[in-house]
N, C-alpha and C. Protein backbone atom coordinates (compact mmCIF):
# COMPACT_ATOMS: atom_id res chain seq x y z
N MET A 1 -4.95 -6.07 -23.91
CA MET A 1 -5.44 -6.64 -22.66
C MET A 1 -5.82 -5.48 -21.73
N SER A 2 -6.99 -5.59 -21.15
CA SER A 2 -7.41 -4.58 -20.19
C SER A 2 -7.40 -5.19 -18.79
N VAL A 3 -7.15 -4.33 -17.83
CA VAL A 3 -7.10 -4.77 -16.44
C VAL A 3 -8.21 -4.07 -15.68
N ASP A 4 -8.98 -4.84 -14.95
CA ASP A 4 -10.03 -4.28 -14.12
C ASP A 4 -9.37 -3.45 -13.01
N PRO A 5 -9.64 -2.14 -12.95
CA PRO A 5 -9.00 -1.28 -11.95
C PRO A 5 -9.20 -1.75 -10.50
N THR A 6 -10.37 -2.32 -10.22
CA THR A 6 -10.62 -2.81 -8.86
C THR A 6 -9.72 -3.99 -8.54
N GLN A 7 -9.58 -4.89 -9.50
CA GLN A 7 -8.70 -6.06 -9.28
C GLN A 7 -7.25 -5.63 -9.15
N LEU A 8 -6.84 -4.65 -9.95
CA LEU A 8 -5.47 -4.13 -9.86
C LEU A 8 -5.22 -3.55 -8.47
N LYS A 9 -6.15 -2.75 -7.98
CA LYS A 9 -6.01 -2.15 -6.65
C LYS A 9 -5.93 -3.22 -5.57
N ARG A 10 -6.75 -4.24 -5.68
CA ARG A 10 -6.74 -5.33 -4.70
C ARG A 10 -5.41 -6.09 -4.75
N GLY A 11 -4.95 -6.36 -5.96
CA GLY A 11 -3.69 -7.08 -6.12
C GLY A 11 -2.50 -6.30 -5.58
N LEU A 12 -2.47 -5.01 -5.86
CA LEU A 12 -1.38 -4.17 -5.36
C LEU A 12 -1.44 -4.06 -3.83
N PHE A 13 -2.66 -3.96 -3.28
CA PHE A 13 -2.78 -3.92 -1.84
C PHE A 13 -2.29 -5.22 -1.21
N ALA A 14 -2.62 -6.36 -1.83
CA ALA A 14 -2.16 -7.65 -1.32
C ALA A 14 -0.63 -7.71 -1.32
N LEU A 15 0.00 -7.21 -2.39
CA LEU A 15 1.47 -7.16 -2.43
C LEU A 15 2.01 -6.25 -1.33
N ARG A 16 1.40 -5.08 -1.18
CA ARG A 16 1.85 -4.12 -0.16
C ARG A 16 1.73 -4.73 1.24
N LEU A 17 0.62 -5.39 1.51
CA LEU A 17 0.41 -6.00 2.81
C LEU A 17 1.43 -7.13 3.05
N GLY A 18 1.67 -7.94 2.04
CA GLY A 18 2.65 -9.03 2.17
C GLY A 18 4.05 -8.51 2.42
N VAL A 19 4.47 -7.51 1.68
CA VAL A 19 5.79 -6.91 1.86
C VAL A 19 5.88 -6.27 3.25
N PHE A 20 4.81 -5.60 3.66
CA PHE A 20 4.78 -4.98 4.99
C PHE A 20 5.00 -6.03 6.08
N ILE A 21 4.32 -7.16 5.99
CA ILE A 21 4.43 -8.19 7.03
C ILE A 21 5.89 -8.64 7.19
N VAL A 22 6.57 -8.87 6.09
CA VAL A 22 7.97 -9.30 6.17
C VAL A 22 8.83 -8.21 6.79
N PHE A 23 8.71 -6.99 6.29
CA PHE A 23 9.52 -5.89 6.82
C PHE A 23 9.17 -5.60 8.28
N PHE A 24 7.90 -5.72 8.64
CA PHE A 24 7.49 -5.49 10.02
C PHE A 24 8.15 -6.50 10.95
N MET A 25 8.18 -7.76 10.54
CA MET A 25 8.81 -8.78 11.37
C MET A 25 10.31 -8.51 11.51
N TRP A 26 10.97 -8.10 10.42
CA TRP A 26 12.39 -7.76 10.50
C TRP A 26 12.61 -6.56 11.41
N THR A 27 11.65 -5.63 11.39
CA THR A 27 11.75 -4.45 12.25
C THR A 27 11.59 -4.83 13.72
N ILE A 28 10.59 -5.61 14.03
CA ILE A 28 10.36 -6.03 15.41
C ILE A 28 11.56 -6.82 15.94
N ASP A 29 12.20 -7.59 15.07
CA ASP A 29 13.40 -8.34 15.47
C ASP A 29 14.49 -7.40 16.00
N LYS A 30 14.56 -6.21 15.46
CA LYS A 30 15.57 -5.24 15.91
C LYS A 30 15.34 -4.82 17.36
N PHE A 31 14.11 -4.86 17.82
CA PHE A 31 13.79 -4.51 19.21
C PHE A 31 13.86 -5.72 20.14
N ILE A 32 13.37 -6.86 19.66
CA ILE A 32 13.34 -8.06 20.49
C ILE A 32 14.73 -8.69 20.60
N ASN A 33 15.48 -8.66 19.51
CA ASN A 33 16.78 -9.31 19.48
C ASN A 33 17.81 -8.39 18.80
N PRO A 34 18.16 -7.28 19.43
CA PRO A 34 19.09 -6.34 18.80
C PRO A 34 20.47 -6.94 18.53
N GLY A 35 20.83 -7.95 19.30
CA GLY A 35 22.11 -8.63 19.03
C GLY A 35 22.13 -9.28 17.66
N HIS A 36 20.97 -9.77 17.21
CA HIS A 36 20.87 -10.35 15.87
C HIS A 36 21.14 -9.28 14.82
N THR A 37 20.58 -8.09 15.04
CA THR A 37 20.81 -6.97 14.12
C THR A 37 22.29 -6.63 14.05
N VAL A 38 22.93 -6.57 15.21
CA VAL A 38 24.37 -6.27 15.26
C VAL A 38 25.14 -7.31 14.47
N SER A 39 24.81 -8.59 14.64
CA SER A 39 25.54 -9.65 13.93
C SER A 39 25.27 -9.63 12.43
N VAL A 40 24.04 -9.31 12.03
CA VAL A 40 23.72 -9.20 10.59
C VAL A 40 24.52 -8.06 9.96
N PHE A 41 24.55 -6.91 10.61
CA PHE A 41 25.30 -5.77 10.08
C PHE A 41 26.79 -6.09 9.99
N LYS A 42 27.29 -6.84 10.95
CA LYS A 42 28.71 -7.21 10.94
C LYS A 42 29.00 -8.19 9.80
N ARG A 43 28.15 -9.21 9.65
CA ARG A 43 28.41 -10.25 8.66
C ARG A 43 28.16 -9.80 7.22
N TYR A 44 27.05 -9.13 6.99
CA TYR A 44 26.65 -8.84 5.61
C TYR A 44 26.95 -7.41 5.14
N TYR A 45 27.03 -6.47 6.08
CA TYR A 45 27.27 -5.08 5.69
C TYR A 45 28.64 -4.59 6.13
N LEU A 46 29.41 -5.49 6.77
CA LEU A 46 30.79 -5.22 7.18
C LEU A 46 30.89 -4.02 8.13
N ILE A 47 29.89 -3.85 8.97
CA ILE A 47 29.89 -2.80 9.99
C ILE A 47 30.20 -3.49 11.32
N GLU A 48 31.40 -3.30 11.79
CA GLU A 48 31.91 -4.04 12.95
C GLU A 48 31.24 -3.65 14.27
N ASP A 49 31.12 -2.38 14.55
CA ASP A 49 30.69 -1.92 15.87
C ASP A 49 29.36 -1.17 15.81
N LEU A 50 28.32 -1.85 15.40
CA LEU A 50 27.02 -1.19 15.30
C LEU A 50 26.52 -0.80 16.70
N GLY A 51 26.58 -1.70 17.63
CA GLY A 51 26.12 -1.44 18.99
C GLY A 51 24.62 -1.61 19.12
N LEU A 52 24.22 -2.01 20.32
CA LEU A 52 22.80 -2.27 20.56
C LEU A 52 21.95 -1.02 20.46
N GLN A 53 22.47 0.10 20.95
CA GLN A 53 21.70 1.35 20.90
C GLN A 53 21.38 1.76 19.47
N LEU A 54 22.36 1.63 18.59
CA LEU A 54 22.15 1.99 17.19
C LEU A 54 21.18 1.01 16.53
N ALA A 55 21.19 -0.24 16.97
CA ALA A 55 20.23 -1.22 16.45
C ALA A 55 18.81 -0.76 16.77
N TYR A 56 18.60 -0.22 17.97
CA TYR A 56 17.28 0.30 18.34
C TYR A 56 16.92 1.52 17.50
N VAL A 57 17.88 2.40 17.25
CA VAL A 57 17.63 3.60 16.44
C VAL A 57 17.25 3.19 15.01
N ILE A 58 17.99 2.24 14.47
CA ILE A 58 17.68 1.74 13.12
C ILE A 58 16.29 1.11 13.11
N GLY A 59 15.97 0.37 14.16
CA GLY A 59 14.65 -0.24 14.27
C GLY A 59 13.54 0.80 14.31
N ALA A 60 13.75 1.87 15.06
CA ALA A 60 12.73 2.93 15.15
C ALA A 60 12.53 3.61 13.80
N ALA A 61 13.63 3.92 13.12
CA ALA A 61 13.54 4.55 11.80
C ALA A 61 12.85 3.61 10.81
N GLN A 62 13.21 2.34 10.86
CA GLN A 62 12.60 1.36 9.96
C GLN A 62 11.11 1.20 10.28
N LEU A 63 10.74 1.25 11.55
CA LEU A 63 9.33 1.14 11.91
C LEU A 63 8.52 2.28 11.31
N LEU A 64 9.03 3.49 11.40
CA LEU A 64 8.33 4.64 10.79
C LEU A 64 8.20 4.44 9.28
N LEU A 65 9.26 3.97 8.66
CA LEU A 65 9.26 3.76 7.21
C LEU A 65 8.24 2.70 6.81
N VAL A 66 8.23 1.54 7.48
CA VAL A 66 7.33 0.48 7.07
C VAL A 66 5.86 0.82 7.38
N LEU A 67 5.63 1.58 8.44
CA LEU A 67 4.25 2.02 8.70
C LEU A 67 3.80 3.02 7.64
N GLY A 68 4.71 3.91 7.23
CA GLY A 68 4.40 4.83 6.12
C GLY A 68 4.12 4.08 4.84
N PHE A 69 4.90 3.04 4.59
CA PHE A 69 4.70 2.18 3.42
C PHE A 69 3.33 1.51 3.49
N LEU A 70 2.97 0.99 4.65
CA LEU A 70 1.69 0.29 4.80
C LEU A 70 0.52 1.19 4.45
N VAL A 71 0.55 2.42 4.90
CA VAL A 71 -0.58 3.32 4.64
C VAL A 71 -0.41 4.11 3.35
N GLY A 72 0.67 3.88 2.63
CA GLY A 72 0.85 4.50 1.32
C GLY A 72 1.16 5.98 1.34
N VAL A 73 1.80 6.45 2.39
CA VAL A 73 2.14 7.86 2.47
C VAL A 73 3.48 8.11 1.75
N LYS A 74 3.55 9.21 1.02
CA LYS A 74 4.77 9.58 0.27
C LYS A 74 5.38 8.37 -0.43
N LYS A 75 4.61 7.82 -1.35
CA LYS A 75 4.96 6.55 -1.98
C LYS A 75 6.32 6.56 -2.67
N ARG A 76 6.65 7.63 -3.36
CA ARG A 76 7.94 7.66 -4.04
C ARG A 76 9.06 7.46 -3.02
N LEU A 77 8.92 8.08 -1.87
CA LEU A 77 9.94 7.99 -0.81
C LEU A 77 9.89 6.64 -0.09
N THR A 78 8.71 6.25 0.43
CA THR A 78 8.63 5.03 1.23
C THR A 78 8.82 3.78 0.39
N TYR A 79 8.17 3.70 -0.75
CA TYR A 79 8.33 2.53 -1.62
C TYR A 79 9.76 2.48 -2.15
N GLY A 80 10.28 3.64 -2.53
CA GLY A 80 11.65 3.71 -3.04
C GLY A 80 12.68 3.32 -1.99
N ALA A 81 12.47 3.78 -0.76
CA ALA A 81 13.41 3.43 0.32
C ALA A 81 13.40 1.93 0.60
N LEU A 82 12.22 1.32 0.62
CA LEU A 82 12.18 -0.13 0.83
C LEU A 82 12.81 -0.87 -0.33
N LEU A 83 12.60 -0.38 -1.54
CA LEU A 83 13.23 -1.01 -2.71
C LEU A 83 14.75 -0.92 -2.61
N LEU A 84 15.26 0.23 -2.23
CA LEU A 84 16.70 0.40 -2.07
C LEU A 84 17.24 -0.48 -0.95
N MET A 85 16.58 -0.46 0.21
CA MET A 85 17.01 -1.27 1.34
C MET A 85 17.05 -2.75 0.98
N HIS A 86 15.99 -3.23 0.36
CA HIS A 86 15.94 -4.66 0.05
C HIS A 86 16.91 -5.02 -1.08
N SER A 87 17.13 -4.10 -1.99
CA SER A 87 18.14 -4.35 -3.04
C SER A 87 19.52 -4.53 -2.42
N ILE A 88 19.87 -3.64 -1.51
CA ILE A 88 21.17 -3.74 -0.83
C ILE A 88 21.25 -5.02 -0.02
N SER A 89 20.18 -5.35 0.67
CA SER A 89 20.14 -6.57 1.46
C SER A 89 20.31 -7.81 0.59
N THR A 90 19.65 -7.82 -0.55
CA THR A 90 19.73 -8.96 -1.47
C THR A 90 21.14 -9.10 -2.04
N ILE A 91 21.73 -7.99 -2.43
CA ILE A 91 23.09 -8.01 -3.00
C ILE A 91 24.13 -8.37 -1.95
N SER A 92 23.95 -7.87 -0.73
CA SER A 92 24.97 -8.09 0.30
C SER A 92 25.07 -9.54 0.75
N THR A 93 24.07 -10.33 0.45
CA THR A 93 24.10 -11.75 0.84
C THR A 93 24.46 -12.65 -0.33
N TRP A 94 25.19 -12.12 -1.29
CA TRP A 94 25.50 -12.83 -2.53
C TRP A 94 26.18 -14.18 -2.27
N GLN A 95 26.94 -14.30 -1.19
CA GLN A 95 27.65 -15.55 -0.92
C GLN A 95 26.67 -16.71 -0.72
N MET A 96 25.50 -16.41 -0.18
CA MET A 96 24.52 -17.46 0.09
C MET A 96 23.97 -18.07 -1.20
N TYR A 97 23.98 -17.29 -2.26
CA TYR A 97 23.45 -17.79 -3.53
C TYR A 97 24.44 -18.72 -4.22
N LEU A 98 25.69 -18.66 -3.84
CA LEU A 98 26.72 -19.51 -4.45
C LEU A 98 26.66 -20.95 -3.94
N ASP A 99 26.07 -21.15 -2.77
CA ASP A 99 25.94 -22.47 -2.17
C ASP A 99 24.51 -22.65 -1.68
N PRO A 100 23.57 -22.77 -2.62
CA PRO A 100 22.15 -22.76 -2.24
C PRO A 100 21.74 -23.89 -1.30
N TRP A 101 22.46 -25.02 -1.33
CA TRP A 101 22.07 -26.14 -0.49
C TRP A 101 22.90 -26.22 0.79
N GLY A 102 23.61 -25.14 1.09
CA GLY A 102 24.30 -25.04 2.38
C GLY A 102 23.27 -24.81 3.48
N PRO A 103 23.72 -24.84 4.74
CA PRO A 103 22.78 -24.69 5.86
C PRO A 103 21.98 -23.38 5.77
N LYS A 104 20.69 -23.49 5.62
CA LYS A 104 19.74 -22.37 5.60
C LYS A 104 19.91 -21.42 4.41
N ASN A 105 20.81 -21.70 3.50
CA ASN A 105 21.07 -20.78 2.39
C ASN A 105 19.91 -20.71 1.40
N LEU A 106 19.18 -21.79 1.26
CA LEU A 106 18.07 -21.80 0.30
C LEU A 106 17.03 -20.74 0.65
N LEU A 107 16.88 -20.44 1.92
CA LEU A 107 15.92 -19.42 2.35
C LEU A 107 16.26 -18.04 1.78
N PHE A 108 17.54 -17.79 1.50
CA PHE A 108 17.94 -16.48 0.98
C PHE A 108 17.35 -16.21 -0.41
N PHE A 109 16.99 -17.27 -1.14
CA PHE A 109 16.41 -17.08 -2.46
C PHE A 109 15.03 -16.44 -2.41
N ALA A 110 14.39 -16.43 -1.25
CA ALA A 110 13.10 -15.75 -1.09
C ALA A 110 13.26 -14.24 -1.27
N ALA A 111 14.49 -13.76 -1.22
CA ALA A 111 14.73 -12.32 -1.42
C ALA A 111 14.34 -11.88 -2.82
N PHE A 112 14.45 -12.76 -3.81
CA PHE A 112 14.19 -12.36 -5.19
C PHE A 112 12.72 -12.08 -5.49
N PRO A 113 11.77 -12.96 -5.11
CA PRO A 113 10.38 -12.59 -5.33
C PRO A 113 9.95 -11.39 -4.49
N MET A 114 10.54 -11.25 -3.31
CA MET A 114 10.25 -10.08 -2.47
C MET A 114 10.73 -8.82 -3.18
N LEU A 115 11.91 -8.87 -3.75
CA LEU A 115 12.46 -7.72 -4.48
C LEU A 115 11.58 -7.40 -5.69
N ALA A 116 11.13 -8.43 -6.38
CA ALA A 116 10.25 -8.23 -7.54
C ALA A 116 8.93 -7.59 -7.11
N ALA A 117 8.39 -8.01 -5.97
CA ALA A 117 7.13 -7.44 -5.47
C ALA A 117 7.31 -5.96 -5.14
N ILE A 118 8.41 -5.63 -4.49
CA ILE A 118 8.65 -4.22 -4.12
C ILE A 118 8.85 -3.38 -5.38
N TYR A 119 9.57 -3.94 -6.35
CA TYR A 119 9.77 -3.22 -7.61
C TYR A 119 8.43 -2.98 -8.31
N ALA A 120 7.58 -4.02 -8.35
CA ALA A 120 6.26 -3.87 -8.97
C ALA A 120 5.44 -2.79 -8.26
N LEU A 121 5.49 -2.79 -6.94
CA LEU A 121 4.78 -1.77 -6.18
C LEU A 121 5.33 -0.38 -6.47
N TYR A 122 6.64 -0.28 -6.59
CA TYR A 122 7.23 1.03 -6.85
C TYR A 122 6.80 1.58 -8.22
N ILE A 123 6.88 0.74 -9.25
CA ILE A 123 6.55 1.26 -10.59
C ILE A 123 5.04 1.45 -10.78
N LEU A 124 4.24 0.77 -9.97
CA LEU A 124 2.78 0.90 -10.06
C LEU A 124 2.20 1.68 -8.88
N ARG A 125 3.05 2.45 -8.20
CA ARG A 125 2.65 3.13 -6.96
C ARG A 125 1.45 4.06 -7.15
N ASP A 126 1.31 4.68 -8.32
CA ASP A 126 0.18 5.58 -8.54
C ASP A 126 -1.15 4.83 -8.64
N ALA A 127 -1.09 3.56 -9.00
CA ALA A 127 -2.30 2.74 -9.08
C ALA A 127 -2.61 2.04 -7.76
N ASP A 128 -1.67 2.07 -6.82
CA ASP A 128 -1.84 1.41 -5.53
C ASP A 128 -2.55 2.36 -4.57
N THR A 129 -3.87 2.36 -4.64
CA THR A 129 -4.65 3.35 -3.89
C THR A 129 -5.58 2.75 -2.84
N LEU A 130 -5.77 1.44 -2.84
CA LEU A 130 -6.68 0.82 -1.88
C LEU A 130 -6.12 0.95 -0.47
N LEU A 131 -6.91 1.50 0.43
CA LEU A 131 -6.51 1.75 1.83
C LEU A 131 -5.16 2.47 1.90
N SER A 132 -5.05 3.51 1.10
CA SER A 132 -3.81 4.26 0.98
C SER A 132 -4.09 5.74 1.16
N ILE A 133 -3.20 6.42 1.86
CA ILE A 133 -3.31 7.87 2.01
C ILE A 133 -2.87 8.51 0.71
N GLN A 134 -3.70 9.36 0.16
CA GLN A 134 -3.38 9.99 -1.13
C GLN A 134 -2.64 11.29 -0.93
C-alpha cells in the first residue's frame, strides 16, 4: 500500500491542529479559572497545595509548549512532552474508567483517542511537515 505524501501531510496536520485545540483550551483554563487547575492537581495528581500562582506558571509553560507543538518546532521535544503529559493525565484518572456511567465519567474516555492521535503524531513526526518549522 502506498500513501500519497500530500494526503499524509494534510492528515497529520489535521491531527496536530485538533490536538492543539484541546491542549490550548486546557491551557487557557489555567489562566481563566486557576482554581480549577488547583482542584484538578489535588484530585488527580495528589498535589495538595499547588496554589494559584503556580497554576499560572504551569499555564505559561504549557502555553509555550502547545504553541511550539502547533508550529512543529523541536518535534521530538514538544510532541514527546505532550505525549508524556497526556499519558500521565490519562493514567491518573483511572478511577473514572471503572464507573463509565457515573456523573460525567464517560467524557474521560475521550482521552484514549486523543492519546492515540498524539502517539501517531510522535511516531510520524518527521512526516508532519505541513505548516511546520523544520
